[in-house]
Amino acid sequence: MVILRNKDIKNMSKEELDKKLKELNLELMKMSAQRATHTTPTNPGKIKEIKKTIAKIFTKLNK
């Protein structure tokens, strides 16, 4: 999963942002489940990046 940059988010349509938001929420749920079951995540810093990207998308959608 590629984390989006601000310039990429600005160029996306509302439908694309909604689709990407669903994908990111699903991946965040999977990563959180791994952390909750105490399995070793493949990339522990990715949870923070996903949350930041979700916040960027919400900011763009609310403008």
Protein backbone atom coordinates (compact mmCIF):
# COMPACT_ATOMS: atom_id res chain seq x y z
CA MET A 1 0.00 0.00 0.00
CA VAL A 2 1.45 3.29 -1.10
CA ILE A 3 1.01 6.19 1.28
CA LEU A 4 -0.33 9.23 -0.54
CA ARG A 5 1.38 12.59 -0.62
CA ASN A 6 -0.48 15.91 -0.39
CA LYS A 7 -0.07 16.66 -4.09
CA ASP A 8 -1.55 13.26 -4.98
CA ILE A 9 -4.54 13.85 -2.70
CA LYS A 10 -5.18 17.30 -4.21
CA ASN A 11 -5.38 15.81 -7.71
CA MET A 12 -7.84 13.03 -6.82
CA SER A 13 -11.61 13.23 -7.28
CA LYS A 14 -14.08 12.71 -4.46
CA GLU A 15 -14.88 9.17 -5.65
CA GLU A 16 -11.21 8.23 -5.74
CA LEU A 17 -10.70 9.66 -2.26
CA ASP A 18 -13.67 7.67 -0.91
CA LYS A 19 -12.29 4.47 -2.45
CA LYS A 20 -8.81 5.10 -1.06
CA LEU A 21 -10.26 5.90 2.36
CA LYS A 22 -12.04 2.52 2.46
CA GLU A 23 -8.83 0.73 1.46
CA LEU A 24 -6.81 2.52 4.13
CA ASN A 25 -9.38 1.82 6.84
CA LEU A 26 -9.35 -1.87 5.93
CA GLU A 27 -5.57 -2.01 6.07
CA LEU A 28 -5.54 -0.11 9.38
CA MET A 29 -7.98 -2.63 10.81
CA LYS A 30 -5.72 -5.51 9.72
CA MET A 31 -2.63 -3.87 11.21
CA SER A 32 -4.44 -3.12 14.47
CA ALA A 33 -5.59 -6.73 14.69
CA GLN A 34 -1.99 -7.89 14.28
CA ARG A 35 -0.91 -5.59 17.07
CA ALA A 36 -3.78 -6.74 19.32
CA THR A 37 -2.92 -10.43 18.88
CA HIS A 38 0.74 -9.69 19.65
CA THR A 39 2.01 -10.96 16.32
CA THR A 40 5.02 -9.22 14.89
CA PRO A 41 3.89 -6.61 12.36
CA THR A 42 5.84 -6.44 9.12
CA ASN A 43 6.27 -2.67 9.41
CA PRO A 44 5.35 -1.18 12.81
CA GLY A 45 5.60 2.44 11.62
CA LYS A 46 3.02 1.89 8.89
CA ILE A 47 0.10 2.26 11.33
CA LYS A 48 1.11 5.85 12.04
CA GLU A 49 1.51 6.60 8.32
CA ILE A 50 -1.92 5.16 7.53
CA LYS A 51 -3.56 7.25 10.25
CA LYS A 52 -1.88 10.41 8.94
CA THR A 53 -2.99 9.68 5.39
CA ILE A 54 -6.58 9.09 6.55
CA ALA A 55 -6.49 12.46 8.32
CA LYS A 56 -5.21 14.15 5.14
CA ILE A 57 -8.05 12.64 3.11
CA PHE A 58 -10.66 13.74 5.66
CA THR A 59 -9.21 17.25 5.59
CA LYS A 60 -9.46 17.36 1.81
CA LEU A 61 -13.03 16.00 1.83
CA ASN A 62 -14.18 18.58 4.40
CA LYS A 63 -12.92 21.56 2.41
